[in-house]
Amino acid sequence: MGTVSVPSPSSGGNQVAIILPGSSVMVTEPTSIYRGYTGIVQRISDDRAAVLFEGGNWDKLVTLPLSQLKLQ
């Protein structure tokens, strides 16, 4: 599973939040054409996530490395 670090109140900032299917995520990779887009994780395999982006009259399912995603 991929992980994103978030501060922990008990351990001085080392708690980990897990990205799971159904999570809302934003693309943070500066070179990606999807940078800034928010989508919903559909499935996770190894270190990649399939993210569904919806925008009015279009839907797009894109597979991205977990390192390029941030929980919303």
PDB file of N, CA and C in Angstrom:
ATOM      1  N   MET A   1       0.838  -1.175   0.000  1.00  0.00           N
ATOM      2  CA  MET A   1       0.000   0.000   0.000  1.00  0.00           C
ATOM      3  C   MET A   1       0.883   1.238   0.000  1.00  0.00           C
ATOM      4  N   GLY A   2       0.437   2.268  -0.638  1.00  0.00           N
ATOM      5  CA  GLY A   2       1.167   3.522  -0.626  1.00  0.00           C
ATOM      6  C   GLY A   2       0.830   4.319   0.610  1.00  0.00           C
ATOM      7  N   THR A   3       1.732   5.175   0.982  1.00  0.00           N
ATOM      8  CA  THR A   3       1.517   5.947   2.188  1.00  0.00           C
ATOM      9  C   THR A   3       1.877   7.397   1.965  1.00  0.00           C
ATOM     10  N   VAL A   4       1.271   8.233   2.767  1.00  0.00           N
ATOM     11  CA  VAL A   4       1.570   9.659   2.788  1.00  0.00           C
ATOM     12  C   VAL A   4       1.789  10.031   4.245  1.00  0.00           C
ATOM     13  N   SER A   5       2.886  10.698   4.551  1.00  0.00           N
ATOM     14  CA  SER A   5       3.174  11.065   5.936  1.00  0.00           C
ATOM     15  C   SER A   5       2.341  12.255   6.375  1.00  0.00           C
ATOM     16  N   VAL A   6       1.805  12.147   7.583  1.00  0.00           N
ATOM     17  CA  VAL A   6       1.089  13.257   8.213  1.00  0.00           C
ATOM     18  C   VAL A   6       1.544  13.351   9.662  1.00  0.00           C
ATOM     19  N   PRO A   7       1.499  14.513  10.262  1.00  0.00           N
ATOM     20  CA  PRO A   7       1.957  14.660  11.640  1.00  0.00           C
ATOM     21  C   PRO A   7       1.154  13.807  12.613  1.00  0.00           C
ATOM     22  N   SER A   8       1.829  13.296  13.626  1.00  0.00           N
ATOM     23  CA  SER A   8       1.184  12.500  14.660  1.00  0.00           C
ATOM     24  C   SER A   8       1.207  13.256  15.975  1.00  0.00           C
ATOM     25  N   PRO A   9       0.070  13.334  16.655  1.00  0.00           N
ATOM     26  CA  PRO A   9       0.062  14.031  17.940  1.00  0.00           C
ATOM     27  C   PRO A   9       0.837  13.268  19.014  1.00  0.00           C
ATOM     28  N   SER A  10       0.954  11.948  18.893  1.00  0.00           N
ATOM     29  CA  SER A  10       1.585  11.158  19.946  1.00  0.00           C
ATOM     30  C   SER A  10       3.043  10.814  19.681  1.00  0.00           C
ATOM     31  N   SER A  11       3.454  10.739  18.420  1.00  0.00           N
ATOM     32  CA  SER A  11       4.813  10.276  18.134  1.00  0.00           C
ATOM     33  C   SER A  11       5.709  11.358  17.533  1.00  0.00           C
ATOM     34  N   GLY A  12       5.338  12.592  17.668  1.00  0.00           N
ATOM     35  CA  GLY A  12       6.188  13.672  17.191  1.00  0.00           C
ATOM     36  C   GLY A  12       6.233  13.830  15.689  1.00  0.00           C
ATOM     37  N   GLY A  13       5.167  13.448  14.966  1.00  0.00           N
ATOM     38  CA  GLY A  13       5.114  13.703  13.533  1.00  0.00           C
ATOM     39  C   GLY A  13       5.423  12.522  12.651  1.00  0.00           C
ATOM     40  N   ASN A  14       5.323  11.274  13.126  1.00  0.00           N
ATOM     41  CA  ASN A  14       5.678  10.112  12.320  1.00  0.00           C
ATOM     42  C   ASN A  14       4.501   9.220  11.971  1.00  0.00           C
ATOM     43  N   GLN A  15       3.266   9.672  12.156  1.00  0.00           N
ATOM     44  CA  GLN A  15       2.101   8.861  11.805  1.00  0.00           C
ATOM     45  C   GLN A  15       1.969   8.801  10.290  1.00  0.00           C
ATOM     46  N   VAL A  16       1.408   7.697   9.780  1.00  0.00           N
ATOM     47  CA  VAL A  16       1.262   7.507   8.352  1.00  0.00           C
ATOM     48  C   VAL A  16      -0.210   7.327   8.014  1.00  0.00           C
ATOM     49  N   ALA A  17      -0.702   8.061   7.023  1.00  0.00           N
ATOM     50  CA  ALA A  17      -2.069   7.899   6.529  1.00  0.00           C
ATOM     51  C   ALA A  17      -1.992   7.076   5.249  1.00  0.00           C
ATOM     52  N   ILE A  18      -2.857   6.099   5.121  1.00  0.00           N
ATOM     53  CA  ILE A  18      -2.811   5.192   3.979  1.00  0.00           C
ATOM     54  C   ILE A  18      -3.833   5.622   2.933  1.00  0.00           C
ATOM     55  N   ILE A  19      -3.412   5.653   1.684  1.00  0.00           N
ATOM     56  CA  ILE A  19      -4.324   5.923   0.577  1.00  0.00           C
ATOM     57  C   ILE A  19      -5.019   4.613   0.243  1.00  0.00           C
ATOM     58  N   LEU A  20      -6.342   4.619   0.325  1.00  0.00           N
ATOM     59  CA  LEU A  20      -7.157   3.439   0.064  1.00  0.00           C
ATOM     60  C   LEU A  20      -8.135   3.725  -1.064  1.00  0.00           C
ATOM     61  N   PRO A  21      -8.678   2.668  -1.708  1.00  0.00           N
ATOM     62  CA  PRO A  21      -9.737   2.899  -2.695  1.00  0.00           C
ATOM     63  C   PRO A  21     -10.878   3.686  -2.061  1.00  0.00           C
ATOM     64  N   GLY A  22     -11.353   4.677  -2.788  1.00  0.00           N
ATOM     65  CA  GLY A  22     -12.392   5.568  -2.279  1.00  0.00           C
ATOM     66  C   GLY A  22     -11.844   6.871  -1.733  1.00  0.00           C
ATOM     67  N   SER A  23     -10.513   6.930  -1.532  1.00  0.00           N
ATOM     68  CA  SER A  23      -9.887   8.154  -1.024  1.00  0.00           C
ATOM     69  C   SER A  23      -9.897   9.245  -2.087  1.00  0.00           C
ATOM     70  N   SER A  24     -10.083  10.468  -1.657  1.00  0.00           N
ATOM     71  CA  SER A  24      -9.972  11.622  -2.538  1.00  0.00           C
ATOM     72  C   SER A  24      -8.514  12.078  -2.513  1.00  0.00           C
ATOM     73  N   VAL A  25      -7.903  12.177  -3.701  1.00  0.00           N
ATOM     74  CA  VAL A  25      -6.488  12.546  -3.797  1.00  0.00           C
ATOM     75  C   VAL A  25      -6.292  13.661  -4.815  1.00  0.00           C
ATOM     76  N   MET A  26      -5.177  14.372  -4.672  1.00  0.00           N
ATOM     77  CA  MET A  26      -4.800  15.413  -5.617  1.00  0.00           C
ATOM     78  C   MET A  26      -3.429  15.067  -6.186  1.00  0.00           C
ATOM     79  N   VAL A  27      -3.233  15.313  -7.472  1.00  0.00           N
ATOM     80  CA  VAL A  27      -1.950  15.062  -8.132  1.00  0.00           C
ATOM     81  C   VAL A  27      -1.009  16.209  -7.801  1.00  0.00           C
ATOM     82  N   THR A  28       0.189  15.878  -7.276  1.00  0.00           N
ATOM     83  CA  THR A  28       1.153  16.899  -6.859  1.00  0.00           C
ATOM     84  C   THR A  28       2.395  16.959  -7.741  1.00  0.00           C
ATOM     85  N   GLU A  29       2.556  16.043  -8.688  1.00  0.00           N
ATOM     86  CA  GLU A  29       3.742  16.010  -9.549  1.00  0.00           C
ATOM     87  C   GLU A  29       3.764  17.253 -10.443  1.00  0.00           C
ATOM     88  N   PRO A  30       4.809  18.084 -10.333  1.00  0.00           N
ATOM     89  CA  PRO A  30       4.846  19.344 -11.093  1.00  0.00           C
ATOM     90  C   PRO A  30       4.874  19.164 -12.611  1.00  0.00           C
ATOM     91  N   THR A  31       5.379  18.035 -13.115  1.00  0.00           N
ATOM     92  CA  THR A  31       5.484  17.843 -14.561  1.00  0.00           C
ATOM     93  C   THR A  31       4.283  17.110 -15.160  1.00  0.00           C
ATOM     94  N   SER A  32       3.330  16.693 -14.335  1.00  0.00           N
ATOM     95  CA  SER A  32       2.169  15.950 -14.817  1.00  0.00           C
ATOM     96  C   SER A  32       1.121  16.895 -15.396  1.00  0.00           C
ATOM     97  N   ILE A  33       0.467  16.464 -16.469  1.00  0.00           N
ATOM     98  CA  ILE A  33      -0.619  17.280 -17.029  1.00  0.00           C
ATOM     99  C   ILE A  33      -1.836  17.261 -16.112  1.00  0.00           C
ATOM    100  N   TYR A  34      -1.861  16.350 -15.146  1.00  0.00           N
ATOM    101  CA  TYR A  34      -2.961  16.254 -14.195  1.00  0.00           C
ATOM    102  C   TYR A  34      -2.661  16.981 -12.879  1.00  0.00           C
ATOM    103  N   ARG A  35      -1.544  17.716 -12.807  1.00  0.00           N
ATOM    104  CA  ARG A  35      -1.173  18.432 -11.576  1.00  0.00           C
ATOM    105  C   ARG A  35      -2.316  19.344 -11.137  1.00  0.00           C
ATOM    106  N   GLY A  36      -2.690  19.217  -9.855  1.00  0.00           N
ATOM    107  CA  GLY A  36      -3.763  20.033  -9.309  1.00  0.00           C
ATOM    108  C   GLY A  36      -5.140  19.421  -9.438  1.00  0.00           C
ATOM    109  N   TYR A  37      -5.278  18.384 -10.266  1.00  0.00           N
ATOM    110  CA  TYR A  37      -6.570  17.723 -10.412  1.00  0.00           C
ATOM    111  C   TYR A  37      -6.851  16.880  -9.171  1.00  0.00           C
ATOM    112  N   THR A  38      -8.105  16.806  -8.789  1.00  0.00           N
ATOM    113  CA  THR A  38      -8.545  15.963  -7.677  1.00  0.00           C
ATOM    114  C   THR A  38      -9.404  14.847  -8.239  1.00  0.00           C
ATOM    115  N   GLY A  39      -9.135  13.630  -7.770  1.00  0.00           N
ATOM    116  CA  GLY A  39      -9.895  12.472  -8.223  1.00  0.00           C
ATOM    117  C   GLY A  39     -10.110  11.483  -7.096  1.00  0.00           C
ATOM    118  N   ILE A  40     -10.762  10.385  -7.422  1.00  0.00           N
ATOM    119  CA  ILE A  40     -11.071   9.341  -6.444  1.00  0.00           C
ATOM    120  C   ILE A  40     -10.325   8.076  -6.822  1.00  0.00           C
ATOM    121  N   VAL A  41      -9.608   7.490  -5.847  1.00  0.00           N
ATOM    122  CA  VAL A  41      -8.856   6.260  -6.076  1.00  0.00           C
ATOM    123  C   VAL A  41      -9.840   5.113  -6.288  1.00  0.00           C
ATOM    124  N   GLN A  42      -9.666   4.389  -7.399  1.00  0.00           N
ATOM    125  CA  GLN A  42     -10.520   3.248  -7.716  1.00  0.00           C
ATOM    126  C   GLN A  42      -9.889   1.935  -7.275  1.00  0.00           C
ATOM    127  N   ARG A  43      -8.576   1.797  -7.492  1.00  0.00           N
ATOM    128  CA  ARG A  43      -7.857   0.591  -7.073  1.00  0.00           C
ATOM    129  C   ARG A  43      -6.386   0.902  -6.928  1.00  0.00           C
ATOM    130  N   ILE A  44      -5.699   0.039  -6.175  1.00  0.00           N
ATOM    131  CA  ILE A  44      -4.270   0.198  -5.927  1.00  0.00           C
ATOM    132  C   ILE A  44      -3.579  -1.115  -6.240  1.00  0.00           C
ATOM    133  N   SER A  45      -2.456  -1.027  -6.943  1.00  0.00           N
ATOM    134  CA  SER A  45      -1.660  -2.199  -7.263  1.00  0.00           C
ATOM    135  C   SER A  45      -0.194  -1.819  -7.140  1.00  0.00           C
ATOM    136  N   ASP A  46       0.525  -2.542  -6.288  1.00  0.00           N
ATOM    137  CA  ASP A  46       1.935  -2.242  -6.010  1.00  0.00           C
ATOM    138  C   ASP A  46       2.062  -0.794  -5.553  1.00  0.00           C
ATOM    139  N   ASP A  47       2.793   0.031  -6.290  1.00  0.00           N
ATOM    140  CA  ASP A  47       2.999   1.426  -5.877  1.00  0.00           C
ATOM    141  C   ASP A  47       2.268   2.400  -6.801  1.00  0.00           C
ATOM    142  N   ARG A  48       1.191   1.924  -7.440  1.00  0.00           N
ATOM    143  CA  ARG A  48       0.431   2.756  -8.362  1.00  0.00           C
ATOM    144  C   ARG A  48      -1.050   2.726  -7.993  1.00  0.00           C
ATOM    145  N   ALA A  49      -1.739   3.816  -8.326  1.00  0.00           N
ATOM    146  CA  ALA A  49      -3.176   3.903  -8.056  1.00  0.00           C
ATOM    147  C   ALA A  49      -3.906   4.301  -9.328  1.00  0.00           C
ATOM    148  N   ALA A  50      -5.058   3.696  -9.559  1.00  0.00           N
ATOM    149  CA  ALA A  50      -5.941   4.100 -10.645  1.00  0.00           C
ATOM    150  C   ALA A  50      -6.870   5.168 -10.064  1.00  0.00           C
ATOM    151  N   VAL A  51      -6.792   6.363 -10.626  1.00  0.00           N
ATOM    152  CA  VAL A  51      -7.554   7.506 -10.110  1.00  0.00           C
ATOM    153  C   VAL A  51      -8.576   7.929 -11.159  1.00  0.00           C
ATOM    154  N   LEU A  52      -9.821   8.082 -10.733  1.00  0.00           N
ATOM    155  CA  LEU A  52     -10.894   8.510 -11.618  1.00  0.00           C
ATOM    156  C   LEU A  52     -11.064  10.015 -11.500  1.00  0.00           C
ATOM    157  N   PHE A  53     -10.901  10.698 -12.635  1.00  0.00           N
ATOM    158  CA  PHE A  53     -11.133  12.141 -12.705  1.00  0.00           C
ATOM    159  C   PHE A  53     -12.443  12.354 -13.451  1.00  0.00           C
ATOM    160  N   GLU A  54     -13.318  13.178 -12.882  1.00  0.00           N
ATOM    161  CA  GLU A  54     -14.585  13.487 -13.519  1.00  0.00           C
ATOM    162  C   GLU A  54     -14.647  14.989 -13.763  1.00  0.00           C
ATOM    163  N   GLY A  55     -15.094  15.372 -14.948  1.00  0.00           N
ATOM    164  CA  GLY A  55     -15.141  16.791 -15.244  1.00  0.00           C
ATOM    165  C   GLY A  55     -16.263  17.153 -16.172  1.00  0.00           C
ATOM    166  N   GLY A  56     -17.431  17.347 -15.651  1.00  0.00           N
ATOM    167  CA  GLY A  56     -18.563  17.757 -16.484  1.00  0.00           C
ATOM    168  C   GLY A  56     -18.990  16.649 -17.425  1.00  0.00           C
ATOM    169  N   ASN A  57     -18.633  16.766 -18.697  1.00  0.00           N
ATOM    170  CA  ASN A  57     -19.069  15.777 -19.678  1.00  0.00           C
ATOM    171  C   ASN A  57     -17.994  14.729 -19.986  1.00  0.00           C
ATOM    172  N   TRP A  58     -16.975  14.600 -19.145  1.00  0.00           N
ATOM    173  CA  TRP A  58     -15.948  13.580 -19.372  1.00  0.00           C
ATOM    174  C   TRP A  58     -15.523  12.914 -18.071  1.00  0.00           C
ATOM    175  N   ASP A  59     -15.112  11.663 -18.183  1.00  0.00           N
ATOM    176  CA  ASP A  59     -14.513  10.900 -17.086  1.00  0.00           C
ATOM    177  C   ASP A  59     -13.228  10.301 -17.632  1.00  0.00           C
ATOM    178  N   LYS A  60     -12.199  10.227 -16.791  1.00  0.00           N
ATOM    179  CA  LYS A  60     -10.928   9.663 -17.229  1.00  0.00           C
ATOM    180  C   LYS A  60     -10.329   8.875 -16.079  1.00  0.00           C
ATOM    181  N   LEU A  61      -9.925   7.637 -16.346  1.00  0.00           N
ATOM    182  CA  LEU A  61      -9.266   6.797 -15.362  1.00  0.00           C
ATOM    183  C   LEU A  61      -7.784   6.757 -15.718  1.00  0.00           C
ATOM    184  N   VAL A  62      -6.932   7.227 -14.796  1.00  0.00           N
ATOM    185  CA  VAL A  62      -5.493   7.335 -15.032  1.00  0.00           C
ATOM    186  C   VAL A  62      -4.745   6.589 -13.932  1.00  0.00           C
ATOM    187  N   THR A  63      -3.719   5.835 -14.315  1.00  0.00           N
ATOM    188  CA  THR A  63      -2.879   5.146 -13.338  1.00  0.00           C
ATOM    189  C   THR A  63      -1.653   6.001 -13.060  1.00  0.00           C
ATOM    190  N   LEU A  64      -1.440   6.324 -11.777  1.00  0.00           N
ATOM    191  CA  LEU A  64      -0.340   7.198 -11.361  1.00  0.00           C
ATOM    192  C   LEU A  64       0.418   6.568 -10.204  1.00  0.00           C
ATOM    193  N   PRO A  65       1.726   6.862 -10.086  1.00  0.00           N
ATOM    194  CA  PRO A  65       2.480   6.409  -8.914  1.00  0.00           C
ATOM    195  C   PRO A  65       1.931   7.067  -7.644  1.00  0.00           C
ATOM    196  N   LEU A  66       1.895   6.312  -6.552  1.00  0.00           N
ATOM    197  CA  LEU A  66       1.404   6.848  -5.284  1.00  0.00           C
ATOM    198  C   LEU A  66       2.226   8.041  -4.817  1.00  0.00           C
ATOM    199  N   SER A  67       3.498   8.091  -5.203  1.00  0.00           N
ATOM    200  CA  SER A  67       4.362   9.209  -4.779  1.00  0.00           C
ATOM    201  C   SER A  67       3.912  10.539  -5.382  1.00  0.00           C
ATOM    202  N   GLN A  68       3.080  10.511  -6.418  1.00  0.00           N
ATOM    203  CA  GLN A  68       2.598  11.743  -7.058  1.00  0.00           C
ATOM    204  C   GLN A  68       1.257  12.194  -6.502  1.00  0.00           C
ATOM    205  N   LEU A  69       0.721  11.475  -5.502  1.00  0.00           N
ATOM    206  CA  LEU A  69      -0.603  11.779  -4.966  1.00  0.00           C
ATOM    207  C   LEU A  69      -0.560  12.245  -3.527  1.00  0.00           C
ATOM    208  N   LYS A  70      -1.519  13.103  -3.194  1.00  0.00           N
ATOM    209  CA  LYS A  70      -1.648  13.614  -1.815  1.00  0.00           C
ATOM    210  C   LYS A  70      -3.107  13.468  -1.411  1.00  0.00           C
ATOM    211  N   LEU A  71      -3.335  12.960  -0.195  1.00  0.00           N
ATOM    212  CA  LEU A  71      -4.702  12.838   0.316  1.00  0.00           C
ATOM    213  C   LEU A  71      -5.347  14.209   0.437  1.00  0.00           C
ATOM    214  N   GLN A  72      -6.643  14.282   0.157  1.00  0.00           N
ATOM    215  CA  GLN A  72      -7.413  15.514   0.288  1.00  0.00           C
ATOM    216  C   GLN A  72      -8.276  15.452   1.503  1.00  0.00           C
TER     217      GLN A  72
END
